[in-house]
Amino acid sequence: MRKQIVLASNNAGKLREFSAMFAPLGIDMVPQAQLGVSEAEEPFPTFVENALAKARHASLHTGLPALADDSGLTVEALKGQPGVYSARYAAMNGFEKSDAANNQFLVQQLAEQVDRRARYVAVLVYVRAHDDPCPIICEGFWQGEIVAEPRGEGGFGYDPHFYLPDLGCTAAELSSERKNALSHRAQALQQLLARLSAEH
């Protein structure tokens, strides 16, 4: 019988990535909305605290093990912004809440900056139960630079502007398979999969 883990997110892009990586282990990822779970509050200033809050919330309301990630973009010249506010970066500054608005606002913020270094950060938290005293916490980092012009049709979020010098392309120009092998989320997931395999 396949195991179910509730994904504490309603992000379709994340669901696709997680589902593809967990399927070989006989694990089905179920988005929390499908189980009637509301989105958790994310009031904390760090990725790990927000991910933990989301995982515990999803597990509490479903009785299932839960996986949450809190991820985002940190930009050197912007002192680490947008950070935990990556998904609502534009909205917090008076614009609409969308990937396009976030990207446009980010490019505007960097217009006068020479330093374009940025990194994607992903923190994954897995809880076996809502009151799990020893959650599994894994982190992944992906170094890149922000380019003004979007490139590529794949990925989501800031991917069209997240340029990878070593590969000569943006994250949005990578195939989903290649991205799933290299990204910040992929790095954290590989650590998590290793930990989960060791437990079973």
Protein backbone atom coordinates (compact mmCIF):
# COMPACT_ATOMS: atom_id res chain seq x y z
CA MET A 1 0.00 0.00 0.00
CA ARG A 2 1.34 3.39 -0.99
CA LYS A 3 2.05 5.87 1.78
CA GLN A 4 0.46 9.30 1.80
CA ILE A 5 2.13 12.50 2.90
CA VAL A 6 0.20 15.74 2.97
CA LEU A 7 1.97 18.60 1.23
CA ALA A 8 1.49 21.81 3.21
CA SER A 9 1.21 23.89 0.06
CA ASN A 10 -1.26 24.53 -2.75
CA ASN A 11 1.48 25.56 -5.19
CA ALA A 12 1.02 23.48 -8.35
CA GLY A 13 4.68 23.84 -9.33
CA LYS A 14 5.90 22.51 -5.99
CA LEU A 15 3.38 19.66 -6.08
CA ARG A 16 4.70 18.54 -9.48
CA GLU A 17 8.33 18.63 -8.29
CA PHE A 18 7.66 16.82 -5.01
CA SER A 19 5.38 14.21 -6.58
CA ALA A 20 8.00 13.31 -9.17
CA MET A 21 10.69 12.85 -6.52
CA PHE A 22 8.59 10.87 -4.02
CA ALA A 23 6.82 8.57 -6.50
CA PRO A 24 9.73 6.08 -6.75
CA LEU A 25 9.54 5.57 -2.96
CA GLY A 26 5.90 4.54 -3.17
CA ILE A 27 4.78 7.81 -1.57
CA ASP A 28 1.87 9.89 -2.86
CA MET A 29 1.91 13.60 -2.15
CA VAL A 30 -1.56 14.97 -1.39
CA PRO A 31 -1.99 18.75 -1.45
CA GLN A 32 -3.55 20.07 1.74
CA ALA A 33 -6.41 21.79 -0.10
CA GLN A 34 -7.59 18.40 -1.35
CA LEU A 35 -8.03 17.41 2.30
CA GLY A 36 -9.81 20.61 3.27
CA VAL A 37 -6.87 22.16 5.12
CA SER A 38 -6.57 25.94 5.13
CA GLU A 39 -3.23 27.64 4.63
CA ALA A 40 -1.26 28.16 7.82
CA GLU A 41 -0.10 31.54 9.04
CA GLU A 42 3.52 32.33 8.19
CA PRO A 43 4.37 35.13 10.62
CA PHE A 44 8.02 34.28 11.19
CA PRO A 45 11.15 35.98 9.83
CA THR A 46 12.97 32.72 9.02
CA PHE A 47 12.35 30.00 6.47
CA VAL A 48 12.67 27.20 9.04
CA GLU A 49 10.09 28.61 11.46
CA ASN A 50 7.54 29.14 8.70
CA ALA A 51 8.08 25.66 7.23
CA LEU A 52 7.69 24.07 10.67
CA ALA A 53 4.47 25.99 11.33
CA LYS A 54 3.02 24.87 7.99
CA ALA A 55 3.99 21.22 8.47
CA ARG A 56 2.53 21.01 11.98
CA HIS A 57 -0.68 22.73 10.85
CA ALA A 58 -1.22 20.30 7.95
CA SER A 59 -0.49 17.25 10.08
CA LEU A 60 -2.73 18.43 12.91
CA HIS A 61 -5.72 18.79 10.58
CA THR A 62 -5.22 15.54 8.61
CA GLY A 63 -3.60 13.10 11.01
CA LEU A 64 -1.06 12.34 8.28
CA PRO A 65 2.69 12.91 8.12
CA ALA A 66 3.26 16.31 6.52
CA LEU A 67 5.91 17.97 4.42
CA ALA A 68 6.29 21.72 4.16
CA ASP A 69 8.81 23.88 2.46
CA ASP A 70 9.53 27.51 2.87
CA SER A 71 11.65 28.79 0.10
CA GLY A 72 12.54 32.00 -1.58
CA LEU A 73 15.11 34.23 -3.14
CA THR A 74 17.74 36.20 -1.25
CA VAL A 75 19.54 38.97 -3.13
CA GLU A 76 22.92 40.27 -1.95
CA ALA A 77 22.43 43.89 -3.00
CA LEU A 78 19.01 44.00 -1.31
CA LYS A 79 20.40 42.76 2.03
CA GLY A 80 18.73 39.37 1.67
CA GLN A 81 15.37 40.55 0.39
CA PRO A 82 12.86 39.36 -0.64
CA GLY A 83 13.64 36.32 1.56
CA VAL A 84 10.63 34.78 3.32
CA TYR A 85 8.45 37.36 1.54
CA SER A 86 9.43 36.18 -1.96
CA ALA A 87 5.92 35.04 -2.96
CA ARG A 88 4.34 38.35 -1.95
CA TYR A 89 7.24 40.72 -2.58
CA ALA A 90 5.36 42.95 -5.04
CA ALA A 91 2.08 42.81 -3.11
CA MET A 92 3.80 44.09 0.03
CA ASN A 93 4.93 47.09 -1.98
CA GLY A 94 1.58 48.04 -3.44
CA PHE A 95 1.46 45.88 -6.55
CA GLU A 96 -0.58 42.81 -7.45
CA LYS A 97 0.36 39.38 -6.08
CA SER A 98 1.78 37.43 -9.02
CA ASP A 99 5.03 35.98 -10.28
CA ALA A 100 5.11 38.57 -13.06
CA ALA A 101 4.68 41.47 -10.62
CA ASN A 102 7.32 40.04 -8.27
CA ASN A 103 9.82 39.73 -11.10
CA GLN A 104 9.10 43.20 -12.41
CA PHE A 105 9.49 44.74 -8.96
CA LEU A 106 12.73 42.84 -8.31
CA VAL A 107 14.26 43.99 -11.60
CA GLN A 108 13.28 47.59 -10.77
CA GLN A 109 14.92 47.32 -7.33
CA LEU A 110 18.15 46.13 -8.94
CA ALA A 111 18.19 48.66 -11.78
CA GLU A 112 21.01 50.71 -10.25
CA GLN A 113 22.90 47.78 -8.70
CA VAL A 114 26.10 46.29 -10.06
CA ASP A 115 26.04 43.29 -7.72
CA ARG A 116 23.47 40.87 -9.17
CA ARG A 117 24.30 37.87 -6.98
CA ALA A 118 21.35 35.96 -5.59
CA ARG A 119 20.55 32.57 -4.24
CA TYR A 120 17.52 30.43 -3.94
CA VAL A 121 17.00 28.97 -0.46
CA ALA A 122 14.79 26.00 0.37
CA VAL A 123 14.05 24.64 3.83
CA LEU A 124 12.05 21.42 4.03
CA VAL A 125 10.42 20.23 7.23
CA TYR A 126 8.91 16.76 7.57
CA VAL A 127 6.82 15.83 10.60
CA ARG A 128 5.61 12.31 11.31
CA ALA A 129 2.81 13.77 13.46
CA HIS A 130 1.76 17.30 14.39
CA ASP A 131 3.57 17.05 17.73
CA ASP A 132 6.67 15.31 16.35
CA PRO A 133 9.49 16.24 18.79
CA CYS A 134 12.20 15.56 16.19
CA PRO A 135 11.11 16.92 12.81
CA ILE A 136 13.46 16.33 9.91
CA ILE A 137 14.84 19.65 8.66
CA CYS A 138 16.82 19.90 5.41
CA GLU A 139 18.24 22.93 3.58
CA GLY A 140 19.32 23.55 0.02
CA PHE A 141 20.98 26.55 -1.66
CA TRP A 142 21.30 27.43 -5.36
CA GLN A 143 23.64 30.25 -6.37
CA GLY A 144 22.92 32.49 -9.33
CA GLU A 145 22.49 36.04 -10.59
CA ILE A 146 19.46 38.17 -11.45
CA VAL A 147 19.16 39.21 -15.11
CA ALA A 148 16.94 42.06 -16.27
CA GLU A 149 15.38 40.26 -19.24
CA PRO A 150 13.36 37.08 -18.63
CA ARG A 151 14.52 33.94 -20.41
CA GLY A 152 12.82 30.57 -20.72
CA GLU A 153 9.30 29.20 -20.40
CA GLY A 154 9.77 26.59 -17.68
CA GLY A 155 9.76 26.69 -13.90
CA PHE A 156 7.89 29.27 -11.87
CA GLY A 157 8.52 32.16 -9.48
CA TYR A 158 11.74 34.01 -10.23
CA ASP A 159 13.11 31.27 -12.53
CA PRO A 160 13.04 33.36 -15.77
CA HIS A 161 15.35 35.94 -14.14
CA PHE A 162 17.53 33.53 -12.12
CA TYR A 163 20.64 33.10 -14.26
CA LEU A 164 23.08 30.25 -13.66
CA PRO A 165 26.57 31.33 -14.84
CA ASP A 166 27.97 27.79 -14.77
CA LEU A 167 25.23 26.58 -17.13
CA GLY A 168 24.84 29.74 -19.22
CA CYS A 169 21.06 29.80 -18.86
CA THR A 170 18.26 30.73 -16.49
CA ALA A 171 16.43 28.24 -14.28
CA ALA A 172 13.40 28.66 -16.57
CA GLU A 173 15.45 27.41 -19.53
CA LEU A 174 16.23 24.09 -17.86
CA SER A 175 14.13 20.99 -18.45
CA SER A 176 12.07 20.01 -15.42
CA GLU A 177 14.25 16.90 -15.05
CA ARG A 178 17.44 18.95 -15.03
CA LYS A 179 15.99 21.50 -12.60
CA ASN A 180 14.77 18.70 -10.32
CA ALA A 181 18.35 17.43 -10.16
CA LEU A 182 20.05 20.77 -9.45
CA SER A 183 17.74 23.20 -7.66
CA HIS A 184 17.76 24.35 -4.05
CA ARG A 185 14.59 22.33 -3.49
CA ALA A 186 16.16 19.29 -5.16
CA GLN A 187 19.20 19.51 -2.87
CA ALA A 188 17.02 19.69 0.24
CA LEU A 189 14.81 16.88 -1.08
CA GLN A 190 17.77 14.59 -1.70
CA GLN A 191 18.78 15.04 1.94
CA LEU A 192 15.21 14.36 3.05
CA LEU A 193 14.82 11.27 0.88
CA ALA A 194 18.06 9.88 2.30
CA ARG A 195 16.81 10.47 5.85
CA LEU A 196 13.41 8.91 5.14
CA SER A 197 15.00 5.89 3.45
CA ALA A 198 17.17 5.38 6.51
CA GLU A 199 14.08 5.37 8.75
CA HIS A 200 12.26 2.68 6.78
